[in-house]
Amino acid sequence: MRWTASLLAALLLMALTSQAAVARGYRHYLIGDVSKPTPAPVSGGLLLMGGGDRNVDALKWFIEKAGHGHIVILRASQSTSIADELYKDIGGIASAETFVFSDRKAAYNPKMLARLRRADGIFISGGDQARYVRFWKGTPVAEALDAHVAAGKPLAGTSAGLAMQGEYLYGAMDDGSITSAEALADPLGPANTIETDFVHFPLLKGVITDTHFKERNRLGRLFAFLAKSETMRPTGAPALFGLGVDESAALAVEPDGSARIYATAPDGGAWLVRGGFSETVQLGAPLKLSRVEVTGIGLSSRLHLPDGRVENPAFVRFYAVAEGQWREVP
């Protein structure tokens, strides 16, 4: 192979760019023009996406909330897929900027933090939420996410990017992904890694979320998440509840807390599980519950946060849990 001067220069530039990314702890990508003004007013909102096929109307809702302006995508793996989808496939935004974290030190980078402060909308991608906890908890990034939502700007997340939005979250800190059977076998055990004091979104106070819900049979593990989270809540605090979102669904939350489902499948929706369990949960013992209320949130439903009231529910069911299994009861 004959090495030309231009090829050698390109290879050198790639090497230097890679070294710079390692040094600062993130890779950076930009599509569009960050100097353009935001075309329309910005409004608050949360988009909780279940991690599968993304509903175009839900993403358009998010883009409109961001004033068709500048969206910053945060992730800890892969590269520009969300940015390409928002800017190229759907369109109608001024810029899409991606920061891919590889180190906690990136959460203190002034350039990246300035971009977060300027963002009209923030999108947290899927991946491994344990990386988000390790890279962002207790850092200026977590503070910037809180400030962004408090300022009345929209935030979206899919899969892991949804899982870390509640007051309590399953962190997957053992680098695995616990199944319903494993979680129910010992909900207080070390594999059920529940985190808190990460982000502080008022509309999701007292909430723990889960994703890929129906498709990965995660109702049992949400019972277990709630059981452990309940042992961590302050004395006298209201009972918690869980929100599981199906892969084909996205829950769009307005600034007043009213929320509706967008879905790519007619049966896509969300599941609300009431906490406040009366039974005592024991370390090293399987979860046992006599009666848990589960409410379905469908295309015609309206959820109201943070209280968890559901108008026109798709269903209301009750479940009992014993010996690592759950079953519907009258």
C-alpha atoms as a PDB file:
ATOM      1  CA  MET A   1       0.000   0.000   0.000  1.00  0.00           C
ATOM      2  CA  ARG A   2       1.322   3.448  -0.914  1.00  0.00           C
ATOM      3  CA  TRP A   3       1.006   6.000   1.876  1.00  0.00           C
ATOM      4  CA  THR A   4       0.168   9.476   0.604  1.00  0.00           C
ATOM      5  CA  ALA A   5       0.776  12.653   2.567  1.00  0.00           C
ATOM      6  CA  SER A   6      -2.963  13.282   2.871  1.00  0.00           C
ATOM      7  CA  LEU A   7      -3.635   9.774   4.208  1.00  0.00           C
ATOM      8  CA  LEU A   8      -0.838  10.050   6.751  1.00  0.00           C
ATOM      9  CA  ALA A   9      -2.180  13.430   7.854  1.00  0.00           C
ATOM     10  CA  ALA A  10      -5.676  11.978   8.268  1.00  0.00           C
ATOM     11  CA  LEU A  11      -4.370   9.052  10.331  1.00  0.00           C
ATOM     12  CA  LEU A  12      -2.366  11.418  12.523  1.00  0.00           C
ATOM     13  CA  LEU A  13      -5.421  13.605  13.079  1.00  0.00           C
ATOM     14  CA  MET A  14      -7.491  10.545  14.048  1.00  0.00           C
ATOM     15  CA  ALA A  15      -4.835   9.443  16.524  1.00  0.00           C
ATOM     16  CA  LEU A  16      -4.591  12.896  18.091  1.00  0.00           C
ATOM     17  CA  THR A  17      -8.383  13.166  18.294  1.00  0.00           C
ATOM     18  CA  SER A  18      -8.611   9.765  19.982  1.00  0.00           C
ATOM     19  CA  GLN A  19      -5.908  10.727  22.490  1.00  0.00           C
ATOM     20  CA  ALA A  20      -7.694  13.993  23.263  1.00  0.00           C
ATOM     21  CA  ALA A  21     -10.977  12.133  23.857  1.00  0.00           C
ATOM     22  CA  VAL A  22      -9.266   9.764  26.312  1.00  0.00           C
ATOM     23  CA  ALA A  23      -7.628  12.676  28.120  1.00  0.00           C
ATOM     24  CA  ARG A  24     -10.883  14.581  28.649  1.00  0.00           C
ATOM     25  CA  GLY A  25     -13.035  11.493  29.296  1.00  0.00           C
ATOM     26  CA  TYR A  26     -15.562  11.908  26.491  1.00  0.00           C
ATOM     27  CA  ARG A  27     -16.045  11.905  22.728  1.00  0.00           C
ATOM     28  CA  HIS A  28     -17.903  14.776  21.114  1.00  0.00           C
ATOM     29  CA  TYR A  29     -20.047  14.929  17.962  1.00  0.00           C
ATOM     30  CA  LEU A  30     -22.038  17.820  16.510  1.00  0.00           C
ATOM     31  CA  ILE A  31     -24.629  18.057  13.740  1.00  0.00           C
ATOM     32  CA  GLY A  32     -26.083  21.450  12.865  1.00  0.00           C
ATOM     33  CA  ASP A  33     -25.219  24.982  13.937  1.00  0.00           C
ATOM     34  CA  VAL A  34     -25.030  25.785  17.652  1.00  0.00           C
ATOM     35  CA  SER A  35     -24.867  29.516  16.911  1.00  0.00           C
ATOM     36  CA  LYS A  36     -28.402  29.655  15.496  1.00  0.00           C
ATOM     37  CA  PRO A  37     -31.145  31.119  17.692  1.00  0.00           C
ATOM     38  CA  THR A  38     -33.789  28.814  19.103  1.00  0.00           C
ATOM     39  CA  PRO A  39     -36.738  29.177  16.682  1.00  0.00           C
ATOM     40  CA  ALA A  40     -39.661  28.769  19.108  1.00  0.00           C
ATOM     41  CA  PRO A  41     -40.507  28.950  22.832  1.00  0.00           C
ATOM     42  CA  VAL A  42     -39.182  26.191  25.092  1.00  0.00           C
ATOM     43  CA  SER A  43     -41.465  24.329  27.495  1.00  0.00           C
ATOM     44  CA  GLY A  44     -40.827  21.772  30.201  1.00  0.00           C
ATOM     45  CA  GLY A  45     -41.680  18.101  29.984  1.00  0.00           C
ATOM     46  CA  LEU A  46     -40.325  14.598  30.569  1.00  0.00           C
ATOM     47  CA  LEU A  47     -40.343  11.852  27.943  1.00  0.00           C
ATOM     48  CA  LEU A  48     -40.014   8.361  29.439  1.00  0.00           C
ATOM     49  CA  MET A  49     -39.274   5.915  26.616  1.00  0.00           C
ATOM     50  CA  GLY A  50     -39.409   2.163  27.134  1.00  0.00           C
ATOM     51  CA  GLY A  51     -36.322   1.299  25.123  1.00  0.00           C
ATOM     52  CA  GLY A  52     -37.621  -0.236  21.901  1.00  0.00           C
ATOM     53  CA  ASP A  53     -38.867   1.275  18.658  1.00  0.00           C
ATOM     54  CA  ARG A  54     -39.270   5.018  19.102  1.00  0.00           C
ATOM     55  CA  ASN A  55     -42.597   6.618  18.302  1.00  0.00           C
ATOM     56  CA  VAL A  56     -42.054   9.508  15.873  1.00  0.00           C
ATOM     57  CA  ASP A  57     -44.912  11.543  17.336  1.00  0.00           C
ATOM     58  CA  ALA A  58     -43.365  11.243  20.812  1.00  0.00           C
ATOM     59  CA  LEU A  59     -40.025  12.533  19.495  1.00  0.00           C
ATOM     60  CA  LYS A  60     -41.814  15.362  17.691  1.00  0.00           C
ATOM     61  CA  TRP A  61     -43.479  16.217  21.026  1.00  0.00           C
ATOM     62  CA  PHE A  62     -40.007  16.423  22.602  1.00  0.00           C
ATOM     63  CA  ILE A  63     -38.614  18.504  19.727  1.00  0.00           C
ATOM     64  CA  GLU A  64     -41.507  20.945  20.000  1.00  0.00           C
ATOM     65  CA  LYS A  65     -40.968  21.214  23.754  1.00  0.00           C
ATOM     66  CA  ALA A  66     -37.325  22.096  22.978  1.00  0.00           C
ATOM     67  CA  GLY A  67     -38.463  24.918  20.715  1.00  0.00           C
ATOM     68  CA  HIS A  68     -36.958  23.171  17.658  1.00  0.00           C
ATOM     69  CA  GLY A  69     -33.649  24.382  19.027  1.00  0.00           C
ATOM     70  CA  HIS A  70     -30.493  22.773  20.382  1.00  0.00           C
ATOM     71  CA  ILE A  71     -30.591  19.245  21.815  1.00  0.00           C
ATOM     72  CA  VAL A  72     -27.718  17.689  23.771  1.00  0.00           C
ATOM     73  CA  ILE A  73     -27.527  13.886  23.868  1.00  0.00           C
ATOM     74  CA  LEU A  74     -25.712  12.223  26.768  1.00  0.00           C
ATOM     75  CA  ARG A  75     -24.549   8.638  26.571  1.00  0.00           C
ATOM     76  CA  ALA A  76     -21.812   6.298  27.805  1.00  0.00           C
ATOM     77  CA  SER A  77     -21.518   3.991  24.775  1.00  0.00           C
ATOM     78  CA  GLN A  78     -21.955   3.995  20.988  1.00  0.00           C
ATOM     79  CA  SER A  79     -22.003   7.336  19.174  1.00  0.00           C
ATOM     80  CA  THR A  80     -24.510   9.394  17.154  1.00  0.00           C
ATOM     81  CA  SER A  81     -27.572   7.229  16.496  1.00  0.00           C
ATOM     82  CA  ILE A  82     -29.966   9.407  18.533  1.00  0.00           C
ATOM     83  CA  ALA A  83     -28.549  12.614  17.056  1.00  0.00           C
ATOM     84  CA  ASP A  84     -28.909  11.247  13.528  1.00  0.00           C
ATOM     85  CA  GLU A  85     -32.487  10.235  14.238  1.00  0.00           C
ATOM     86  CA  LEU A  86     -33.458  13.609  15.676  1.00  0.00           C
ATOM     87  CA  TYR A  87     -31.600  15.833  13.224  1.00  0.00           C
ATOM     88  CA  LYS A  88     -31.576  13.853   9.977  1.00  0.00           C
ATOM     89  CA  ASP A  89     -34.571  11.494  10.102  1.00  0.00           C
ATOM     90  CA  ILE A  90     -37.128  13.669  11.888  1.00  0.00           C
ATOM     91  CA  GLY A  91     -35.548  17.089  11.456  1.00  0.00           C
ATOM     92  CA  GLY A  92     -36.715  20.487  12.535  1.00  0.00           C
ATOM     93  CA  ILE A  93     -33.995  21.246  15.107  1.00  0.00           C
ATOM     94  CA  ALA A  94     -31.069  23.663  14.985  1.00  0.00           C
ATOM     95  CA  SER A  95     -28.458  21.230  16.283  1.00  0.00           C
ATOM     96  CA  ALA A  96     -27.895  17.843  17.902  1.00  0.00           C
ATOM     97  CA  GLU A  97     -24.772  17.523  19.997  1.00  0.00           C
ATOM     98  CA  THR A  98     -23.592  14.227  21.505  1.00  0.00           C
ATOM     99  CA  PHE A  99     -21.248  13.660  24.442  1.00  0.00           C
ATOM    100  CA  VAL A 100     -20.181  10.023  24.959  1.00  0.00           C
ATOM    101  CA  PHE A 101     -18.724   9.616  28.455  1.00  0.00           C
ATOM    102  CA  SER A 102     -15.900   7.220  29.210  1.00  0.00           C
ATOM    103  CA  ASP A 103     -14.728   8.612  32.550  1.00  0.00           C
ATOM    104  CA  ARG A 104     -16.157  10.410  35.586  1.00  0.00           C
ATOM    105  CA  LYS A 105     -13.726  13.303  35.078  1.00  0.00           C
ATOM    106  CA  ALA A 106     -15.749  14.333  32.012  1.00  0.00           C
ATOM    107  CA  ALA A 107     -18.570  15.376  34.348  1.00  0.00           C
ATOM    108  CA  TYR A 108     -16.400  18.327  35.419  1.00  0.00           C
ATOM    109  CA  ASN A 109     -15.424  19.497  31.920  1.00  0.00           C
ATOM    110  CA  PRO A 110     -16.303  23.222  31.511  1.00  0.00           C
ATOM    111  CA  LYS A 111     -17.082  22.979  27.785  1.00  0.00           C
ATOM    112  CA  MET A 112     -19.485  20.090  28.226  1.00  0.00           C
ATOM    113  CA  LEU A 113     -21.179  21.733  31.215  1.00  0.00           C
ATOM    114  CA  ALA A 114     -21.604  24.980  29.269  1.00  0.00           C
ATOM    115  CA  ARG A 115     -23.333  23.038  26.487  1.00  0.00           C
ATOM    116  CA  LEU A 116     -25.683  21.431  29.015  1.00  0.00           C
ATOM    117  CA  ARG A 117     -26.580  24.827  30.465  1.00  0.00           C
ATOM    118  CA  ARG A 118     -27.307  26.157  26.967  1.00  0.00           C
ATOM    119  CA  ALA A 119     -29.297  23.118  25.799  1.00  0.00           C
ATOM    120  CA  ASP A 120     -32.949  23.591  24.913  1.00  0.00           C
ATOM    121  CA  GLY A 121     -33.526  19.864  25.377  1.00  0.00           C
ATOM    122  CA  ILE A 122     -31.481  17.016  26.863  1.00  0.00           C
ATOM    123  CA  PHE A 123     -31.795  13.405  25.709  1.00  0.00           C
ATOM    124  CA  ILE A 124     -30.255  10.579  27.769  1.00  0.00           C
ATOM    125  CA  SER A 125     -29.672   7.518  25.630  1.00  0.00           C
ATOM    126  CA  GLY A 126     -29.923   3.854  26.447  1.00  0.00           C
ATOM    127  CA  GLY A 127     -27.035   1.666  27.512  1.00  0.00           C
ATOM    128  CA  ASP A 128     -25.829   0.798  31.014  1.00  0.00           C
ATOM    129  CA  GLN A 129     -27.284   2.894  33.828  1.00  0.00           C
ATOM    130  CA  ALA A 130     -24.466   1.768  36.129  1.00  0.00           C
ATOM    131  CA  ARG A 131     -22.138   3.929  34.033  1.00  0.00           C
ATOM    132  CA  TYR A 132     -24.445   6.888  34.471  1.00  0.00           C
ATOM    133  CA  VAL A 133     -24.424   6.408  38.242  1.00  0.00           C
ATOM    134  CA  ARG A 134     -20.631   6.063  38.324  1.00  0.00           C
ATOM    135  CA  PHE A 135     -19.949   8.915  35.933  1.00  0.00           C
ATOM    136  CA  TRP A 136     -22.601  11.440  37.041  1.00  0.00           C
ATOM    137  CA  LYS A 137     -23.884  10.882  40.586  1.00  0.00           C
ATOM    138  CA  GLY A 138     -22.737  13.685  42.859  1.00  0.00           C
ATOM    139  CA  THR A 139     -21.182  15.654  39.990  1.00  0.00           C
ATOM    140  CA  PRO A 140     -21.966  18.899  38.129  1.00  0.00           C
ATOM    141  CA  VAL A 141     -23.710  16.815  35.433  1.00  0.00           C
ATOM    142  CA  ALA A 142     -26.354  15.635  37.900  1.00  0.00           C
ATOM    143  CA  GLU A 143     -26.714  19.222  39.107  1.00  0.00           C
ATOM    144  CA  ALA A 144     -27.075  20.402  35.498  1.00  0.00           C
ATOM    145  CA  LEU A 145     -29.833  17.849  34.824  1.00  0.00           C
ATOM    146  CA  ASP A 146     -31.728  19.041  37.908  1.00  0.00           C
ATOM    147  CA  ALA A 147     -31.259  22.686  36.866  1.00  0.00           C
ATOM    148  CA  HIS A 148     -32.376  21.975  33.293  1.00  0.00           C
ATOM    149  CA  VAL A 149     -35.669  20.428  34.443  1.00  0.00           C
ATOM    150  CA  ALA A 150     -36.177  23.109  37.118  1.00  0.00           C
ATOM    151  CA  ALA A 151     -35.740  25.792  34.440  1.00  0.00           C
ATOM    152  CA  GLY A 152     -38.721  24.426  32.501  1.00  0.00           C
ATOM    153  CA  LYS A 153     -36.780  22.693  29.753  1.00  0.00           C
ATOM    154  CA  PRO A 154     -37.603  19.212  28.431  1.00  0.00           C
ATOM    155  CA  LEU A 155     -35.659  16.046  29.168  1.00  0.00           C
ATOM    156  CA  ALA A 156     -36.056  12.674  27.459  1.00  0.00           C
ATOM    157  CA  GLY A 157     -34.570   9.276  28.165  1.00  0.00           C
ATOM    158  CA  THR A 158     -34.826   5.812  26.679  1.00  0.00           C
ATOM    159  CA  SER A 159     -34.042   2.484  28.368  1.00  0.00           C
ATOM    160  CA  ALA A 160     -31.203   3.272  30.822  1.00  0.00           C
ATOM    161  CA  GLY A 161     -31.914   6.947  30.180  1.00  0.00           C
ATOM    162  CA  LEU A 162     -35.400   6.394  31.587  1.00  0.00           C
ATOM    163  CA  ALA A 163     -34.314   4.073  34.396  1.00  0.00           C
ATOM    164  CA  MET A 164     -32.210   6.769  36.074  1.00  0.00           C
ATOM    165  CA  GLN A 165     -34.873   9.509  36.172  1.00  0.00           C
ATOM    166  CA  GLY A 166     -36.855   8.475  39.257  1.00  0.00           C
ATOM    167  CA  GLU A 167     -36.110   9.430  42.858  1.00  0.00           C
ATOM    168  CA  TYR A 168     -35.127   5.770  43.328  1.00  0.00           C
ATOM    169  CA  LEU A 169     -33.470   3.747  40.584  1.00  0.00           C
ATOM    170  CA  TYR A 170     -32.171   0.278  39.881  1.00  0.00           C
ATOM    171  CA  GLY A 171     -28.500   0.967  39.196  1.00  0.00           C
ATOM    172  CA  ALA A 172     -27.390  -2.478  37.918  1.00  0.00           C
ATOM    173  CA  MET A 173     -24.220  -1.748  39.883  1.00  0.00           C
ATOM    174  CA  ASP A 174     -23.013  -5.363  39.773  1.00  0.00           C
ATOM    175  CA  ASP A 175     -22.742  -4.946  35.974  1.00  0.00           C
ATOM    176  CA  GLY A 176     -25.593  -7.371  35.403  1.00  0.00           C
ATOM    177  CA  SER A 177     -29.312  -6.967  34.812  1.00  0.00           C
ATOM    178  CA  ILE A 178     -31.323  -8.705  37.488  1.00  0.00           C
ATOM    179  CA  THR A 179     -34.298 -10.800  36.358  1.00  0.00           C
ATOM    180  CA  SER A 180     -37.679 -10.946  38.041  1.00  0.00           C
ATOM    181  CA  ALA A 181     -36.910 -14.397  39.476  1.00  0.00           C
ATOM    182  CA  GLU A 182     -33.548 -13.270  40.900  1.00  0.00           C
ATOM    183  CA  ALA A 183     -34.984 -10.086  42.381  1.00  0.00           C
ATOM    184  CA  LEU A 184     -37.944 -11.821  43.998  1.00  0.00           C
ATOM    185  CA  ALA A 185     -35.673 -14.466  45.551  1.00  0.00           C
ATOM    186  CA  ASP A 186     -33.946 -11.859  47.743  1.00  0.00           C
ATOM    187  CA  PRO A 187     -35.214  -8.302  47.186  1.00  0.00           C
ATOM    188  CA  LEU A 188     -33.015  -6.871  49.949  1.00  0.00           C
ATOM    189  CA  GLY A 189     -29.932  -8.704  48.724  1.00  0.00           C
ATOM    190  CA  PRO A 190     -26.812  -7.135  47.179  1.00  0.00           C
ATOM    191  CA  ALA A 191     -27.803  -7.927  43.580  1.00  0.00           C
ATOM    192  CA  ASN A 192     -30.835  -5.625  43.815  1.00  0.00           C
ATOM    193  CA  THR A 193     -28.784  -2.443  43.647  1.00  0.00           C
ATOM    194  CA  ILE A 194     -31.137   0.448  44.392  1.00  0.00           C
ATOM    195  CA  GLU A 195     -29.708   3.969  44.261  1.00  0.00           C
ATOM    196  CA  THR A 196     -31.146   7.312  45.335  1.00  0.00           C
ATOM    197  CA  ASP A 197     -30.063  10.970  45.630  1.00  0.00           C
ATOM    198  CA  PHE A 198     -28.994  11.029  41.983  1.00  0.00           C
ATOM    199  CA  VAL A 199     -31.356  13.340  40.098  1.00  0.00           C
ATOM    200  CA  HIS A 200     -34.216  15.210  41.724  1.00  0.00           C
ATOM    201  CA  PHE A 201     -37.159  15.722  39.371  1.00  0.00           C
ATOM    202  CA  PRO A 202     -40.219  16.844  41.383  1.00  0.00           C
ATOM    203  CA  LEU A 203     -42.719  15.078  39.106  1.00  0.00           C
ATOM    204  CA  LEU A 204     -40.916  11.758  39.687  1.00  0.00           C
ATOM    205  CA  LYS A 205     -40.491  12.113  43.434  1.00  0.00           C
ATOM    206  CA  GLY A 206     -41.394   8.850  45.143  1.00  0.00           C
ATOM    207  CA  VAL A 207     -41.123   6.943  41.845  1.00  0.00           C
ATOM    208  CA  ILE A 208     -38.892   4.120  40.654  1.00  0.00           C
ATOM    209  CA  THR A 209     -38.976   3.334  36.931  1.00  0.00           C
ATOM    210  CA  ASP A 210     -38.267   0.319  34.749  1.00  0.00           C
ATOM    211  CA  THR A 211     -38.041  -0.258  30.996  1.00  0.00           C
ATOM    212  CA  HIS A 212     -38.438  -3.007  28.358  1.00  0.00           C
ATOM    213  CA  PHE A 213     -41.216  -3.885  30.735  1.00  0.00           C
ATOM    214  CA  LYS A 214     -43.773  -6.275  29.289  1.00  0.00           C
ATOM    215  CA  GLU A 215     -41.328  -7.692  26.749  1.00  0.00           C
ATOM    216  CA  ARG A 216     -38.803  -8.791  29.404  1.00  0.00           C
ATOM    217  CA  ASN A 217     -41.366  -9.914  31.997  1.00  0.00           C
ATOM    218  CA  ARG A 218     -40.258  -7.319  34.538  1.00  0.00           C
ATOM    219  CA  LEU A 219     -43.338  -6.960  36.724  1.00  0.00           C
ATOM    220  CA  GLY A 220     -41.818  -9.220  39.370  1.00  0.00           C
ATOM    221  CA  ARG A 221     -38.612  -7.264  39.602  1.00  0.00           C
ATOM    222  CA  LEU A 222     -40.513  -3.977  39.914  1.00  0.00           C
ATOM    223  CA  PHE A 223     -42.255  -5.502  42.952  1.00  0.00           C
ATOM    224  CA  ALA A 224     -38.789  -6.249  44.326  1.00  0.00           C
ATOM    225  CA  PHE A 225     -37.442  -2.777  43.435  1.00  0.00           C
ATOM    226  CA  LEU A 226     -40.311  -1.229  45.372  1.00  0.00           C
ATOM    227  CA  ALA A 227     -39.844  -3.559  48.314  1.00  0.00           C
ATOM    228  CA  LYS A 228     -36.205  -2.530  48.726  1.00  0.00           C
ATOM    229  CA  SER A 229     -36.804   1.148  47.976  1.00  0.00           C
ATOM    230  CA  GLU A 230     -39.516   1.255  50.632  1.00  0.00           C
ATOM    231  CA  THR A 231     -36.917   0.257  53.246  1.00  0.00           C
ATOM    232  CA  MET A 232     -34.801   3.251  52.176  1.00  0.00           C
ATOM    233  CA  ARG A 233     -37.450   5.996  52.215  1.00  0.00           C
ATOM    234  CA  PRO A 234     -37.501   8.407  55.155  1.00  0.00           C
ATOM    235  CA  THR A 235     -39.793   7.622  58.037  1.00  0.00           C
ATOM    236  CA  GLY A 236     -43.199   9.166  57.461  1.00  0.00           C
ATOM    237  CA  ALA A 237     -42.648   9.763  53.750  1.00  0.00           C
ATOM    238  CA  PRO A 238     -45.511   8.761  51.417  1.00  0.00           C
ATOM    239  CA  ALA A 239     -45.547   5.273  49.916  1.00  0.00           C
ATOM    240  CA  LEU A 240     -43.619   4.890  46.676  1.00  0.00           C
ATOM    241  CA  PHE A 241     -44.882   3.620  43.356  1.00  0.00           C
ATOM    242  CA  GLY A 242     -43.237   2.078  40.328  1.00  0.00           C
ATOM    243  CA  LEU A 243     -43.639   2.900  36.643  1.00  0.00           C
ATOM    244  CA  GLY A 244     -42.776   0.247  34.068  1.00  0.00           C
ATOM    245  CA  VAL A 245     -42.829   1.309  30.403  1.00  0.00           C
ATOM    246  CA  ASP A 246     -43.160  -1.175  27.545  1.00  0.00           C
ATOM    247  CA  GLU A 247     -40.644  -1.187  24.697  1.00  0.00           C
ATOM    248  CA  SER A 248     -43.269   0.014  22.226  1.00  0.00           C
ATOM    249  CA  ALA A 249     -44.350   2.917  24.442  1.00  0.00           C
ATOM    250  CA  ALA A 250     -43.292   6.343  25.632  1.00  0.00           C
ATOM    251  CA  LEU A 251     -44.868   8.300  28.463  1.00  0.00           C
ATOM    252  CA  ALA A 252     -44.958  12.061  27.748  1.00  0.00           C
ATOM    253  CA  VAL A 253     -45.265  14.135  30.925  1.00  0.00           C
ATOM    254  CA  GLU A 254     -46.440  17.741  30.721  1.00  0.00           C
ATOM    255  CA  PRO A 255     -45.167  20.414  33.137  1.00  0.00           C
ATOM    256  CA  ASP A 256     -48.398  20.148  35.162  1.00  0.00           C
ATOM    257  CA  GLY A 257     -47.779  16.411  35.687  1.00  0.00           C
ATOM    258  CA  SER A 258     -50.437  15.119  33.303  1.00  0.00           C
ATOM    259  CA  ALA A 259     -49.066  12.344  31.113  1.00  0.00           C
ATOM    260  CA  ARG A 260     -50.165  10.337  28.086  1.00  0.00           C
ATOM    261  CA  ILE A 261     -48.888   7.343  26.167  1.00  0.00           C
ATOM    262  CA  TYR A 262     -47.419   7.356  22.674  1.00  0.00           C
ATOM    263  CA  ALA A 263     -46.922   3.873  21.245  1.00  0.00           C
ATOM    264  CA  THR A 264     -45.771   2.030  18.145  1.00  0.00           C
ATOM    265  CA  ALA A 265     -48.076  -0.904  18.985  1.00  0.00           C
ATOM    266  CA  PRO A 266     -51.762  -0.772  19.957  1.00  0.00           C
ATOM    267  CA  ASP A 267     -51.129  -2.624  23.226  1.00  0.00           C
ATOM    268  CA  GLY A 268     -48.056  -0.609  24.220  1.00  0.00           C
ATOM    269  CA  GLY A 269     -48.361   1.215  27.510  1.00  0.00           C
ATOM    270  CA  ALA A 270     -47.098   1.630  31.055  1.00  0.00           C
ATOM    271  CA  TRP A 271     -47.733  -0.140  34.357  1.00  0.00           C
ATOM    272  CA  LEU A 272     -48.152   1.628  37.688  1.00  0.00           C
ATOM    273  CA  VAL A 273     -47.411  -0.499  40.761  1.00  0.00           C
ATOM    274  CA  ARG A 274     -48.513   0.815  44.160  1.00  0.00           C
ATOM    275  CA  GLY A 275     -46.042   0.475  47.012  1.00  0.00           C
ATOM    276  CA  GLY A 276     -46.773   0.826  50.693  1.00  0.00           C
ATOM    277  CA  PHE A 277     -46.629  -2.931  51.202  1.00  0.00           C
ATOM    278  CA  SER A 278     -47.989  -4.076  54.542  1.00  0.00           C
ATOM    279  CA  GLU A 279     -45.730  -7.140  54.771  1.00  0.00           C
ATOM    280  CA  THR A 280     -42.246  -6.945  56.277  1.00  0.00           C
ATOM    281  CA  VAL A 281     -39.449  -7.778  53.851  1.00  0.00           C
ATOM    282  CA  GLN A 282     -36.636  -9.956  55.228  1.00  0.00           C
ATOM    283  CA  LEU A 283     -33.008 -10.000  54.096  1.00  0.00           C
ATOM    284  CA  GLY A 284     -32.173 -13.322  52.443  1.00  0.00           C
ATOM    285  CA  ALA A 285     -35.823 -14.331  52.097  1.00  0.00           C
ATOM    286  CA  PRO A 286     -38.094 -14.404  49.034  1.00  0.00           C
ATOM    287  CA  LEU A 287     -40.599 -11.598  48.657  1.00  0.00           C
ATOM    288  CA  LYS A 288     -44.061 -12.436  49.938  1.00  0.00           C
ATOM    289  CA  LEU A 289     -46.964 -10.057  49.329  1.00  0.00           C
ATOM    290  CA  SER A 290     -50.655 -10.826  49.693  1.00  0.00           C
ATOM    291  CA  ARG A 291     -52.081  -8.078  47.498  1.00  0.00           C
ATOM    292  CA  VAL A 292     -50.433  -5.505  45.191  1.00  0.00           C
ATOM    293  CA  GLU A 293     -52.393  -3.072  43.033  1.00  0.00           C
ATOM    294  CA  VAL A 294     -51.242  -2.677  39.403  1.00  0.00           C
ATOM    295  CA  THR A 295     -52.836  -0.148  37.058  1.00  0.00           C
ATOM    296  CA  GLY A 296     -52.449  -0.182  33.274  1.00  0.00           C
ATOM    297  CA  ILE A 297     -51.832   3.104  31.441  1.00  0.00           C
ATOM    298  CA  GLY A 298     -52.951   2.787  27.841  1.00  0.00           C
ATOM    299  CA  LEU A 299     -53.449   5.012  24.820  1.00  0.00           C
ATOM    300  CA  SER A 300     -56.703   6.433  26.226  1.00  0.00           C
ATOM    301  CA  SER A 301     -55.431   6.850  29.796  1.00  0.00           C
ATOM    302  CA  ARG A 302     -54.110   9.903  31.577  1.00  0.00           C
ATOM    303  CA  LEU A 303     -51.595   9.636  34.392  1.00  0.00           C
ATOM    304  CA  HIS A 304     -51.161  12.471  36.884  1.00  0.00           C
ATOM    305  CA  LEU A 305     -47.799  12.906  38.595  1.00  0.00           C
ATOM    306  CA  PRO A 306     -46.477  12.993  41.215  1.00  0.00           C
ATOM    307  CA  ASP A 307     -49.555  11.538  42.966  1.00  0.00           C
ATOM    308  CA  GLY A 308     -49.987   8.592  40.554  1.00  0.00           C
ATOM    309  CA  ARG A 309     -53.684   9.037  39.808  1.00  0.00           C
ATOM    310  CA  VAL A 310     -54.781   7.346  36.556  1.00  0.00           C
ATOM    311  CA  GLU A 311     -57.817   8.417  34.545  1.00  0.00           C
ATOM    312  CA  ASN A 312     -59.437   5.826  32.292  1.00  0.00           C
ATOM    313  CA  PRO A 313     -56.999   3.022  33.132  1.00  0.00           C
ATOM    314  CA  ALA A 314     -56.476   0.211  30.659  1.00  0.00           C
ATOM    315  CA  PHE A 315     -56.935  -2.194  33.604  1.00  0.00           C
ATOM    316  CA  VAL A 316     -56.695  -2.443  37.382  1.00  0.00           C
ATOM    317  CA  ARG A 317     -55.382  -5.761  38.654  1.00  0.00           C
ATOM    318  CA  PHE A 318     -54.232  -7.221  41.955  1.00  0.00           C
ATOM    319  CA  TYR A 319     -51.368  -9.658  42.399  1.00  0.00           C
ATOM    320  CA  ALA A 320     -50.049 -11.886  45.152  1.00  0.00           C
ATOM    321  CA  VAL A 321     -46.360 -12.781  45.369  1.00  0.00           C
ATOM    322  CA  ALA A 322     -44.918 -15.942  46.920  1.00  0.00           C
ATOM    323  CA  GLU A 323     -42.024 -18.345  46.329  1.00  0.00           C
ATOM    324  CA  GLY A 324     -40.557 -16.221  43.560  1.00  0.00           C
ATOM    325  CA  GLN A 325     -43.791 -16.133  41.534  1.00  0.00           C
ATOM    326  CA  TRP A 326     -46.667 -13.710  41.147  1.00  0.00           C
ATOM    327  CA  ARG A 327     -50.260 -14.435  40.245  1.00  0.00           C
ATOM    328  CA  GLU A 328     -53.367 -12.365  39.696  1.00  0.00           C
ATOM    329  CA  VAL A 329     -55.889 -12.463  42.522  1.00  0.00           C
ATOM    330  CA  PRO A 330     -59.484 -11.158  42.881  1.00  0.00           C
END
